[in-house]
Amino acid sequence: LSHRVASQCSSDAVFVTYARYFHID
């Protein structure tokens, strides 16, 4: 949710968000 909101908020790199994600079992 935060990633989606951050991408809508600002064109500048104001928010740090993940580039990728994965799972570790």
mmCIF file of all heavy atoms, coordinates in Angstrom:
data_MODEL
# 
_entry.id   MODEL 
# 
loop_
_atom_site.group_PDB 
_atom_site.id 
_atom_site.type_symbol 
_atom_site.label_atom_id 
_atom_site.label_alt_id 
_atom_site.label_comp_id 
_atom_site.label_asym_id 
_atom_site.label_entity_id 
_atom_site.label_seq_id 
_atom_site.pdbx_PDB_ins_code 
_atom_site.Cartn_x 
_atom_site.Cartn_y 
_atom_site.Cartn_z 
_atom_site.occupancy 
_atom_site.B_iso_or_equiv 
_atom_site.pdbx_formal_charge 
_atom_site.auth_seq_id 
_atom_site.auth_comp_id 
_atom_site.auth_asym_id 
_atom_site.auth_atom_id 
_atom_site.pdbx_PDB_model_num 
ATOM 1   N N   . LEU A 1 1  ? 0.833  -1.198  0.000   1.00 0.00 ? 1  LEU A N   1 
ATOM 2   C CA  . LEU A 1 1  ? 0.000  0.000   0.000   1.00 0.00 ? 1  LEU A CA  1 
ATOM 3   C C   . LEU A 1 1  ? 0.871  1.252   0.000   1.00 0.00 ? 1  LEU A C   1 
ATOM 4   O O   . LEU A 1 1  ? 0.653  2.182   -0.774  1.00 0.00 ? 1  LEU A O   1 
ATOM 5   C CB  . LEU A 1 1  ? -0.949 0.008   1.197   1.00 0.00 ? 1  LEU A CB  1 
ATOM 6   C CG  . LEU A 1 1  ? -1.800 1.259   1.374   1.00 0.00 ? 1  LEU A CG  1 
ATOM 7   C CD1 . LEU A 1 1  ? -2.735 1.450   0.184   1.00 0.00 ? 1  LEU A CD1 1 
ATOM 8   C CD2 . LEU A 1 1  ? -2.598 1.176   2.664   1.00 0.00 ? 1  LEU A CD2 1 
ATOM 9   N N   . SER A 1 2  ? 1.890  1.264   0.861   1.00 0.00 ? 2  SER A N   1 
ATOM 10  C CA  . SER A 1 2  ? 2.800  2.411   0.942   1.00 0.00 ? 2  SER A CA  1 
ATOM 11  C C   . SER A 1 2  ? 3.523  2.633   -0.377  1.00 0.00 ? 2  SER A C   1 
ATOM 12  O O   . SER A 1 2  ? 3.713  3.770   -0.805  1.00 0.00 ? 2  SER A O   1 
ATOM 13  C CB  . SER A 1 2  ? 3.831  2.194   2.050   1.00 0.00 ? 2  SER A CB  1 
ATOM 14  O OG  . SER A 1 2  ? 3.207  2.063   3.294   1.00 0.00 ? 2  SER A OG  1 
ATOM 15  N N   . HIS A 1 3  ? 3.929  1.548   -1.011  1.00 0.00 ? 3  HIS A N   1 
ATOM 16  C CA  . HIS A 1 3  ? 4.633  1.648   -2.296  1.00 0.00 ? 3  HIS A CA  1 
ATOM 17  C C   . HIS A 1 3  ? 3.734  2.307   -3.344  1.00 0.00 ? 3  HIS A C   1 
ATOM 18  O O   . HIS A 1 3  ? 4.172  3.180   -4.084  1.00 0.00 ? 3  HIS A O   1 
ATOM 19  C CB  . HIS A 1 3  ? 5.055  0.248   -2.751  1.00 0.00 ? 3  HIS A CB  1 
ATOM 20  C CG  . HIS A 1 3  ? 5.809  0.221   -4.038  1.00 0.00 ? 3  HIS A CG  1 
ATOM 21  N ND1 . HIS A 1 3  ? 7.118  0.640   -4.137  1.00 0.00 ? 3  HIS A ND1 1 
ATOM 22  C CD2 . HIS A 1 3  ? 5.453  -0.179  -5.282  1.00 0.00 ? 3  HIS A CD2 1 
ATOM 23  C CE1 . HIS A 1 3  ? 7.532  0.503   -5.387  1.00 0.00 ? 3  HIS A CE1 1 
ATOM 24  N NE2 . HIS A 1 3  ? 6.533  0.006   -6.099  1.00 0.00 ? 3  HIS A NE2 1 
ATOM 25  N N   . ARG A 1 4  ? 2.475  1.899   -3.388  1.00 0.00 ? 4  ARG A N   1 
ATOM 26  C CA  . ARG A 1 4  ? 1.529  2.470   -4.354  1.00 0.00 ? 4  ARG A CA  1 
ATOM 27  C C   . ARG A 1 4  ? 1.305  3.956   -4.075  1.00 0.00 ? 4  ARG A C   1 
ATOM 28  O O   . ARG A 1 4  ? 1.329  4.784   -4.974  1.00 0.00 ? 4  ARG A O   1 
ATOM 29  C CB  . ARG A 1 4  ? 0.210  1.706   -4.308  1.00 0.00 ? 4  ARG A CB  1 
ATOM 30  C CG  . ARG A 1 4  ? -0.712 2.099   -5.452  1.00 0.00 ? 4  ARG A CG  1 
ATOM 31  C CD  . ARG A 1 4  ? -2.003 1.328   -5.459  1.00 0.00 ? 4  ARG A CD  1 
ATOM 32  N NE  . ARG A 1 4  ? -2.875 1.920   -4.456  1.00 0.00 ? 4  ARG A NE  1 
ATOM 33  C CZ  . ARG A 1 4  ? -3.603 1.238   -3.589  1.00 0.00 ? 4  ARG A CZ  1 
ATOM 34  N NH1 . ARG A 1 4  ? -3.577 -0.063  -3.589  1.00 0.00 ? 4  ARG A NH1 1 
ATOM 35  N NH2 . ARG A 1 4  ? -4.378 1.851   -2.721  1.00 0.00 ? 4  ARG A NH2 1 
ATOM 36  N N   . VAL A 1 5  ? 1.108  4.292   -2.800  1.00 0.00 ? 5  VAL A N   1 
ATOM 37  C CA  . VAL A 1 5  ? 0.869  5.686   -2.416  1.00 0.00 ? 5  VAL A CA  1 
ATOM 38  C C   . VAL A 1 5  ? 2.096  6.537   -2.720  1.00 0.00 ? 5  VAL A C   1 
ATOM 39  O O   . VAL A 1 5  ? 1.981  7.630   -3.267  1.00 0.00 ? 5  VAL A O   1 
ATOM 40  C CB  . VAL A 1 5  ? 0.476  5.782   -0.930  1.00 0.00 ? 5  VAL A CB  1 
ATOM 41  C CG1 . VAL A 1 5  ? 0.498  7.221   -0.456  1.00 0.00 ? 5  VAL A CG1 1 
ATOM 42  C CG2 . VAL A 1 5  ? -0.887 5.156   -0.707  1.00 0.00 ? 5  VAL A CG2 1 
ATOM 43  N N   . ALA A 1 6  ? 3.282  6.036   -2.403  1.00 0.00 ? 6  ALA A N   1 
ATOM 44  C CA  . ALA A 1 6  ? 4.512  6.797   -2.631  1.00 0.00 ? 6  ALA A CA  1 
ATOM 45  C C   . ALA A 1 6  ? 4.698  7.104   -4.111  1.00 0.00 ? 6  ALA A C   1 
ATOM 46  O O   . ALA A 1 6  ? 5.142  8.192   -4.476  1.00 0.00 ? 6  ALA A O   1 
ATOM 47  C CB  . ALA A 1 6  ? 5.716  6.041   -2.093  1.00 0.00 ? 6  ALA A CB  1 
ATOM 48  N N   . SER A 1 7  ? 4.343  6.153   -4.968  1.00 0.00 ? 7  SER A N   1 
ATOM 49  C CA  . SER A 1 7  ? 4.511  6.386   -6.399  1.00 0.00 ? 7  SER A CA  1 
ATOM 50  C C   . SER A 1 7  ? 3.508  7.413   -6.922  1.00 0.00 ? 7  SER A C   1 
ATOM 51  O O   . SER A 1 7  ? 3.745  8.044   -7.947  1.00 0.00 ? 7  SER A O   1 
ATOM 52  C CB  . SER A 1 7  ? 4.386  5.073   -7.173  1.00 0.00 ? 7  SER A CB  1 
ATOM 53  O OG  . SER A 1 7  ? 3.090  4.541   -7.042  1.00 0.00 ? 7  SER A OG  1 
ATOM 54  N N   . GLN A 1 8  ? 2.389  7.611   -6.215  1.00 0.00 ? 8  GLN A N   1 
ATOM 55  C CA  . GLN A 1 8  ? 1.384  8.586   -6.641  1.00 0.00 ? 8  GLN A CA  1 
ATOM 56  C C   . GLN A 1 8  ? 1.642  9.982   -6.074  1.00 0.00 ? 8  GLN A C   1 
ATOM 57  O O   . GLN A 1 8  ? 1.138  10.958  -6.607  1.00 0.00 ? 8  GLN A O   1 
ATOM 58  C CB  . GLN A 1 8  ? -0.014 8.145   -6.192  1.00 0.00 ? 8  GLN A CB  1 
ATOM 59  C CG  . GLN A 1 8  ? -0.488 6.876   -6.850  1.00 0.00 ? 8  GLN A CG  1 
ATOM 60  C CD  . GLN A 1 8  ? -1.768 6.354   -6.215  1.00 0.00 ? 8  GLN A CD  1 
ATOM 61  O OE1 . GLN A 1 8  ? -2.242 6.876   -5.215  1.00 0.00 ? 8  GLN A OE1 1 
ATOM 62  N NE2 . GLN A 1 8  ? -2.327 5.302   -6.801  1.00 0.00 ? 8  GLN A NE2 1 
ATOM 63  N N   . CYS A 1 9  ? 2.400  10.053  -4.999  1.00 0.00 ? 9  CYS A N   1 
ATOM 64  C CA  . CYS A 1 9  ? 2.560  11.318  -4.278  1.00 0.00 ? 9  CYS A CA  1 
ATOM 65  C C   . CYS A 1 9  ? 3.452  12.322  -4.990  1.00 0.00 ? 9  CYS A C   1 
ATOM 66  O O   . CYS A 1 9  ? 3.101  13.470  -5.135  1.00 0.00 ? 9  CYS A O   1 
ATOM 67  C CB  . CYS A 1 9  ? 3.126  11.073  -2.879  1.00 0.00 ? 9  CYS A CB  1 
ATOM 68  S SG  . CYS A 1 9  ? 1.878  10.559  -1.697  1.00 0.00 ? 9  CYS A SG  1 
ATOM 69  N N   . SER A 1 10 ? 4.617  11.923  -5.366  1.00 0.00 ? 10 SER A N   1 
ATOM 70  C CA  . SER A 1 10 ? 5.597  12.898  -5.833  1.00 0.00 ? 10 SER A CA  1 
ATOM 71  C C   . SER A 1 10 ? 6.446  12.311  -6.942  1.00 0.00 ? 10 SER A C   1 
ATOM 72  O O   . SER A 1 10 ? 6.777  11.127  -6.919  1.00 0.00 ? 10 SER A O   1 
ATOM 73  C CB  . SER A 1 10 ? 6.486  13.315  -4.662  1.00 0.00 ? 10 SER A CB  1 
ATOM 74  O OG  . SER A 1 10 ? 7.505  14.168  -5.100  1.00 0.00 ? 10 SER A OG  1 
ATOM 75  N N   . SER A 1 11 ? 6.818  13.149  -7.870  1.00 0.00 ? 11 SER A N   1 
ATOM 76  C CA  . SER A 1 11 ? 7.706  12.686  -8.933  1.00 0.00 ? 11 SER A CA  1 
ATOM 77  C C   . SER A 1 11 ? 9.157  12.658  -8.445  1.00 0.00 ? 11 SER A C   1 
ATOM 78  O O   . SER A 1 11 ? 9.987  11.979  -9.020  1.00 0.00 ? 11 SER A O   1 
ATOM 79  C CB  . SER A 1 11 ? 7.577  13.593  -10.155 1.00 0.00 ? 11 SER A CB  1 
ATOM 80  O OG  . SER A 1 11 ? 7.904  14.924  -9.804  1.00 0.00 ? 11 SER A OG  1 
ATOM 81  N N   . ASP A 1 12 ? 9.457  13.414  -7.394  1.00 0.00 ? 12 ASP A N   1 
ATOM 82  C CA  . ASP A 1 12 ? 10.809 13.417  -6.834  1.00 0.00 ? 12 ASP A CA  1 
ATOM 83  C C   . ASP A 1 12 ? 11.012 12.183  -5.971  1.00 0.00 ? 12 ASP A C   1 
ATOM 84  O O   . ASP A 1 12 ? 10.067 11.556  -5.514  1.00 0.00 ? 12 ASP A O   1 
ATOM 85  C CB  . ASP A 1 12 ? 11.034 14.663  -5.971  1.00 0.00 ? 12 ASP A CB  1 
ATOM 86  C CG  . ASP A 1 12 ? 10.994 15.938  -6.794  1.00 0.00 ? 12 ASP A CG  1 
ATOM 87  O OD1 . ASP A 1 12 ? 11.200 15.861  -8.018  1.00 0.00 ? 12 ASP A OD1 1 
ATOM 88  O OD2 . ASP A 1 12 ? 10.743 17.006  -6.208  1.00 0.00 ? 12 ASP A OD2 1 
ATOM 89  N N   . ALA A 1 13 ? 12.250 11.849  -5.736  1.00 0.00 ? 13 ALA A N   1 
ATOM 90  C CA  . ALA A 1 13 ? 12.580 10.686  -4.910  1.00 0.00 ? 13 ALA A CA  1 
ATOM 91  C C   . ALA A 1 13 ? 12.519 11.076  -3.429  1.00 0.00 ? 13 ALA A C   1 
ATOM 92  O O   . ALA A 1 13 ? 13.515 11.051  -2.724  1.00 0.00 ? 13 ALA A O   1 
ATOM 93  C CB  . ALA A 1 13 ? 13.946 10.159  -5.273  1.00 0.00 ? 13 ALA A CB  1 
ATOM 94  N N   . VAL A 1 14 ? 11.333 11.445  -2.962  1.00 0.00 ? 14 VAL A N   1 
ATOM 95  C CA  . VAL A 1 14 ? 11.154 11.867  -1.578  1.00 0.00 ? 14 VAL A CA  1 
ATOM 96  C C   . VAL A 1 14 ? 10.958 10.653  -0.675  1.00 0.00 ? 14 VAL A C   1 
ATOM 97  O O   . VAL A 1 14 ? 11.398 10.629  0.458   1.00 0.00 ? 14 VAL A O   1 
ATOM 98  C CB  . VAL A 1 14 ? 9.945  12.821  -1.453  1.00 0.00 ? 14 VAL A CB  1 
ATOM 99  C CG1 . VAL A 1 14 ? 9.694  13.210  -0.015  1.00 0.00 ? 14 VAL A CG1 1 
ATOM 100 C CG2 . VAL A 1 14 ? 10.167 14.057  -2.296  1.00 0.00 ? 14 VAL A CG2 1 
ATOM 101 N N   . PHE A 1 15 ? 10.292 9.633   -1.198  1.00 0.00 ? 15 PHE A N   1 
ATOM 102 C CA  . PHE A 1 15 ? 9.987  8.434   -0.425  1.00 0.00 ? 15 PHE A CA  1 
ATOM 103 C C   . PHE A 1 15 ? 10.909 7.295   -0.841  1.00 0.00 ? 15 PHE A C   1 
ATOM 104 O O   . PHE A 1 15 ? 11.101 7.053   -2.021  1.00 0.00 ? 15 PHE A O   1 
ATOM 105 C CB  . PHE A 1 15 ? 8.534  8.003   -0.639  1.00 0.00 ? 15 PHE A CB  1 
ATOM 106 C CG  . PHE A 1 15 ? 7.538  9.026   -0.188  1.00 0.00 ? 15 PHE A CG  1 
ATOM 107 C CD1 . PHE A 1 15 ? 6.955  9.897   -1.095  1.00 0.00 ? 15 PHE A CD1 1 
ATOM 108 C CD2 . PHE A 1 15 ? 7.188  9.132   1.148   1.00 0.00 ? 15 PHE A CD2 1 
ATOM 109 C CE1 . PHE A 1 15 ? 6.042  10.847  -0.685  1.00 0.00 ? 15 PHE A CE1 1 
ATOM 110 C CE2 . PHE A 1 15 ? 6.279  10.086  1.572   1.00 0.00 ? 15 PHE A CE2 1 
ATOM 111 C CZ  . PHE A 1 15 ? 5.701  10.940  0.652   1.00 0.00 ? 15 PHE A CZ  1 
ATOM 112 N N   . VAL A 1 16 ? 11.427 6.599   0.146   1.00 0.00 ? 16 VAL A N   1 
ATOM 113 C CA  . VAL A 1 16 ? 12.237 5.423   -0.136  1.00 0.00 ? 16 VAL A CA  1 
ATOM 114 C C   . VAL A 1 16 ? 11.299 4.228   -0.130  1.00 0.00 ? 16 VAL A C   1 
ATOM 115 O O   . VAL A 1 16 ? 10.534 4.021   0.814   1.00 0.00 ? 16 VAL A O   1 
ATOM 116 C CB  . VAL A 1 16 ? 13.342 5.229   0.939   1.00 0.00 ? 16 VAL A CB  1 
ATOM 117 C CG1 . VAL A 1 16 ? 14.091 3.940   0.696   1.00 0.00 ? 16 VAL A CG1 1 
ATOM 118 C CG2 . VAL A 1 16 ? 14.283 6.412   0.939   1.00 0.00 ? 16 VAL A CG2 1 
ATOM 119 N N   . THR A 1 17 ? 11.346 3.461   -1.190  1.00 0.00 ? 17 THR A N   1 
ATOM 120 C CA  . THR A 1 17 ? 10.514 2.276   -1.274  1.00 0.00 ? 17 THR A CA  1 
ATOM 121 C C   . THR A 1 17 ? 11.330 1.136   -1.877  1.00 0.00 ? 17 THR A C   1 
ATOM 122 O O   . THR A 1 17 ? 12.435 1.362   -2.382  1.00 0.00 ? 17 THR A O   1 
ATOM 123 C CB  . THR A 1 17 ? 9.223  2.564   -2.072  1.00 0.00 ? 17 THR A CB  1 
ATOM 124 O OG1 . THR A 1 17 ? 8.365  1.432   -2.009  1.00 0.00 ? 17 THR A OG1 1 
ATOM 125 C CG2 . THR A 1 17 ? 9.520  2.922   -3.509  1.00 0.00 ? 17 THR A CG2 1 
ATOM 126 N N   . TYR A 1 18 ? 10.804 -0.036  -1.808  1.00 0.00 ? 18 TYR A N   1 
ATOM 127 C CA  . TYR A 1 18 ? 11.550 -1.195  -2.269  1.00 0.00 ? 18 TYR A CA  1 
ATOM 128 C C   . TYR A 1 18 ? 11.650 -1.234  -3.793  1.00 0.00 ? 18 TYR A C   1 
ATOM 129 O O   . TYR A 1 18 ? 10.786 -0.743  -4.506  1.00 0.00 ? 18 TYR A O   1 
ATOM 130 C CB  . TYR A 1 18 ? 10.922 -2.485  -1.748  1.00 0.00 ? 18 TYR A CB  1 
ATOM 131 C CG  . TYR A 1 18 ? 9.505  -2.743  -2.239  1.00 0.00 ? 18 TYR A CG  1 
ATOM 132 C CD1 . TYR A 1 18 ? 9.276  -3.455  -3.404  1.00 0.00 ? 18 TYR A CD1 1 
ATOM 133 C CD2 . TYR A 1 18 ? 8.410  -2.277  -1.527  1.00 0.00 ? 18 TYR A CD2 1 
ATOM 134 C CE1 . TYR A 1 18 ? 7.996  -3.688  -3.857  1.00 0.00 ? 18 TYR A CE1 1 
ATOM 135 C CE2 . TYR A 1 18 ? 7.124  -2.500  -1.971  1.00 0.00 ? 18 TYR A CE2 1 
ATOM 136 C CZ  . TYR A 1 18 ? 6.913  -3.217  -3.144  1.00 0.00 ? 18 TYR A CZ  1 
ATOM 137 O OH  . TYR A 1 18 ? 5.646  -3.447  -3.593  1.00 0.00 ? 18 TYR A OH  1 
ATOM 138 N N   . ALA A 1 19 ? 12.741 -1.828  -4.272  1.00 0.00 ? 19 ALA A N   1 
ATOM 139 C CA  . ALA A 1 19 ? 12.921 -2.021  -5.707  1.00 0.00 ? 19 ALA A CA  1 
ATOM 140 C C   . ALA A 1 19 ? 12.358 -3.384  -6.122  1.00 0.00 ? 19 ALA A C   1 
ATOM 141 O O   . ALA A 1 19 ? 11.824 -3.537  -7.217  1.00 0.00 ? 19 ALA A O   1 
ATOM 142 C CB  . ALA A 1 19 ? 14.403 -1.956  -6.068  1.00 0.00 ? 19 ALA A CB  1 
ATOM 143 N N   . ARG A 1 20 ? 12.494 -4.361  -5.252  1.00 0.00 ? 20 ARG A N   1 
ATOM 144 C CA  . ARG A 1 20 ? 12.001 -5.726  -5.461  1.00 0.00 ? 20 ARG A CA  1 
ATOM 145 C C   . ARG A 1 20 ? 11.654 -6.300  -4.101  1.00 0.00 ? 20 ARG A C   1 
ATOM 146 O O   . ARG A 1 20 ? 12.040 -5.750  -3.073  1.00 0.00 ? 20 ARG A O   1 
ATOM 147 C CB  . ARG A 1 20 ? 13.086 -6.630  -6.057  1.00 0.00 ? 20 ARG A CB  1 
ATOM 148 C CG  . ARG A 1 20 ? 13.545 -6.336  -7.444  1.00 0.00 ? 20 ARG A CG  1 
ATOM 149 C CD  . ARG A 1 20 ? 14.737 -7.229  -7.875  1.00 0.00 ? 20 ARG A CD  1 
ATOM 150 N NE  . ARG A 1 20 ? 14.647 -8.605  -7.446  1.00 0.00 ? 20 ARG A NE  1 
ATOM 151 C CZ  . ARG A 1 20 ? 14.098 -9.616  -8.145  1.00 0.00 ? 20 ARG A CZ  1 
ATOM 152 N NH1 . ARG A 1 20 ? 13.578 -9.369  -9.315  1.00 0.00 ? 20 ARG A NH1 1 
ATOM 153 N NH2 . ARG A 1 20 ? 14.082 -10.834 -7.690  1.00 0.00 ? 20 ARG A NH2 1 
ATOM 154 N N   . TYR A 1 21 ? 11.002 -7.420  -4.124  1.00 0.00 ? 21 TYR A N   1 
ATOM 155 C CA  . TYR A 1 21 ? 10.778 -8.177  -2.897  1.00 0.00 ? 21 TYR A CA  1 
ATOM 156 C C   . TYR A 1 21 ? 10.737 -9.655  -3.253  1.00 0.00 ? 21 TYR A C   1 
ATOM 157 O O   . TYR A 1 21 ? 10.526 -10.040 -4.410  1.00 0.00 ? 21 TYR A O   1 
ATOM 158 C CB  . TYR A 1 21 ? 9.489  -7.755  -2.194  1.00 0.00 ? 21 TYR A CB  1 
ATOM 159 C CG  . TYR A 1 21 ? 8.235  -8.206  -2.887  1.00 0.00 ? 21 TYR A CG  1 
ATOM 160 C CD1 . TYR A 1 21 ? 7.618  -9.410  -2.544  1.00 0.00 ? 21 TYR A CD1 1 
ATOM 161 C CD2 . TYR A 1 21 ? 7.673  -7.438  -3.898  1.00 0.00 ? 21 TYR A CD2 1 
ATOM 162 C CE1 . TYR A 1 21 ? 6.479  -9.830  -3.206  1.00 0.00 ? 21 TYR A CE1 1 
ATOM 163 C CE2 . TYR A 1 21 ? 6.539  -7.849  -4.554  1.00 0.00 ? 21 TYR A CE2 1 
ATOM 164 C CZ  . TYR A 1 21 ? 5.941  -9.051  -4.215  1.00 0.00 ? 21 TYR A CZ  1 
ATOM 165 O OH  . TYR A 1 21 ? 4.820  -9.470  -4.871  1.00 0.00 ? 21 TYR A OH  1 
ATOM 166 N N   . PHE A 1 22 ? 10.996 -10.480 -2.272  1.00 0.00 ? 22 PHE A N   1 
ATOM 167 C CA  . PHE A 1 22 ? 10.894 -11.919 -2.422  1.00 0.00 ? 22 PHE A CA  1 
ATOM 168 C C   . PHE A 1 22 ? 10.670 -12.503 -1.034  1.00 0.00 ? 22 PHE A C   1 
ATOM 169 O O   . PHE A 1 22 ? 10.632 -11.773 -0.044  1.00 0.00 ? 22 PHE A O   1 
ATOM 170 C CB  . PHE A 1 22 ? 12.137 -12.518 -3.105  1.00 0.00 ? 22 PHE A CB  1 
ATOM 171 C CG  . PHE A 1 22 ? 13.435 -12.228 -2.412  1.00 0.00 ? 22 PHE A CG  1 
ATOM 172 C CD1 . PHE A 1 22 ? 13.964 -13.111 -1.476  1.00 0.00 ? 22 PHE A CD1 1 
ATOM 173 C CD2 . PHE A 1 22 ? 14.146 -11.070 -2.699  1.00 0.00 ? 22 PHE A CD2 1 
ATOM 174 C CE1 . PHE A 1 22 ? 15.168 -12.841 -0.848  1.00 0.00 ? 22 PHE A CE1 1 
ATOM 175 C CE2 . PHE A 1 22 ? 15.351 -10.793 -2.084  1.00 0.00 ? 22 PHE A CE2 1 
ATOM 176 C CZ  . PHE A 1 22 ? 15.865 -11.686 -1.149  1.00 0.00 ? 22 PHE A CZ  1 
ATOM 177 N N   . HIS A 1 23 ? 10.500 -13.795 -0.962  1.00 0.00 ? 23 HIS A N   1 
ATOM 178 C CA  . HIS A 1 23 ? 10.271 -14.468 0.316   1.00 0.00 ? 23 HIS A CA  1 
ATOM 179 C C   . HIS A 1 23 ? 11.390 -15.466 0.583   1.00 0.00 ? 23 HIS A C   1 
ATOM 180 O O   . HIS A 1 23 ? 11.942 -16.051 -0.355  1.00 0.00 ? 23 HIS A O   1 
ATOM 181 C CB  . HIS A 1 23 ? 8.926  -15.182 0.326   1.00 0.00 ? 23 HIS A CB  1 
ATOM 182 C CG  . HIS A 1 23 ? 7.776  -14.233 0.272   1.00 0.00 ? 23 HIS A CG  1 
ATOM 183 N ND1 . HIS A 1 23 ? 7.207  -13.818 -0.910  1.00 0.00 ? 23 HIS A ND1 1 
ATOM 184 C CD2 . HIS A 1 23 ? 7.105  -13.585 1.253   1.00 0.00 ? 23 HIS A CD2 1 
ATOM 185 C CE1 . HIS A 1 23 ? 6.230  -12.969 -0.657  1.00 0.00 ? 23 HIS A CE1 1 
ATOM 186 N NE2 . HIS A 1 23 ? 6.148  -12.797 0.647   1.00 0.00 ? 23 HIS A NE2 1 
ATOM 187 N N   . ILE A 1 24 ? 11.704 -15.620 1.853   1.00 0.00 ? 24 ILE A N   1 
ATOM 188 C CA  . ILE A 1 24 ? 12.696 -16.589 2.288   1.00 0.00 ? 24 ILE A CA  1 
ATOM 189 C C   . ILE A 1 24 ? 11.976 -17.602 3.176   1.00 0.00 ? 24 ILE A C   1 
ATOM 190 O O   . ILE A 1 24 ? 11.349 -17.215 4.171   1.00 0.00 ? 24 ILE A O   1 
ATOM 191 C CB  . ILE A 1 24 ? 13.830 -15.922 3.102   1.00 0.00 ? 24 ILE A CB  1 
ATOM 192 C CG1 . ILE A 1 24 ? 14.564 -14.884 2.260   1.00 0.00 ? 24 ILE A CG1 1 
ATOM 193 C CG2 . ILE A 1 24 ? 14.788 -16.969 3.651   1.00 0.00 ? 24 ILE A CG2 1 
ATOM 194 C CD1 . ILE A 1 24 ? 15.531 -14.016 3.048   1.00 0.00 ? 24 ILE A CD1 1 
ATOM 195 N N   . ASP A 1 25 ? 12.051 -18.862 2.817   1.00 0.00 ? 25 ASP A N   1 
ATOM 196 C CA  . ASP A 1 25 ? 11.513 -19.930 3.667   1.00 0.00 ? 25 ASP A CA  1 
ATOM 197 C C   . ASP A 1 25 ? 12.681 -20.478 4.471   1.00 0.00 ? 25 ASP A C   1 
ATOM 198 O O   . ASP A 1 25 ? 13.648 -21.000 3.904   1.00 0.00 ? 25 ASP A O   1 
ATOM 199 C CB  . ASP A 1 25 ? 10.869 -21.027 2.821   1.00 0.00 ? 25 ASP A CB  1 
ATOM 200 C CG  . ASP A 1 25 ? 9.598  -20.533 2.140   1.00 0.00 ? 25 ASP A CG  1 
ATOM 201 O OD1 . ASP A 1 25 ? 8.756  -19.945 2.842   1.00 0.00 ? 25 ASP A OD1 1 
ATOM 202 O OD2 . ASP A 1 25 ? 9.461  -20.722 0.913   1.00 0.00 ? 25 ASP A OD2 1 
# 
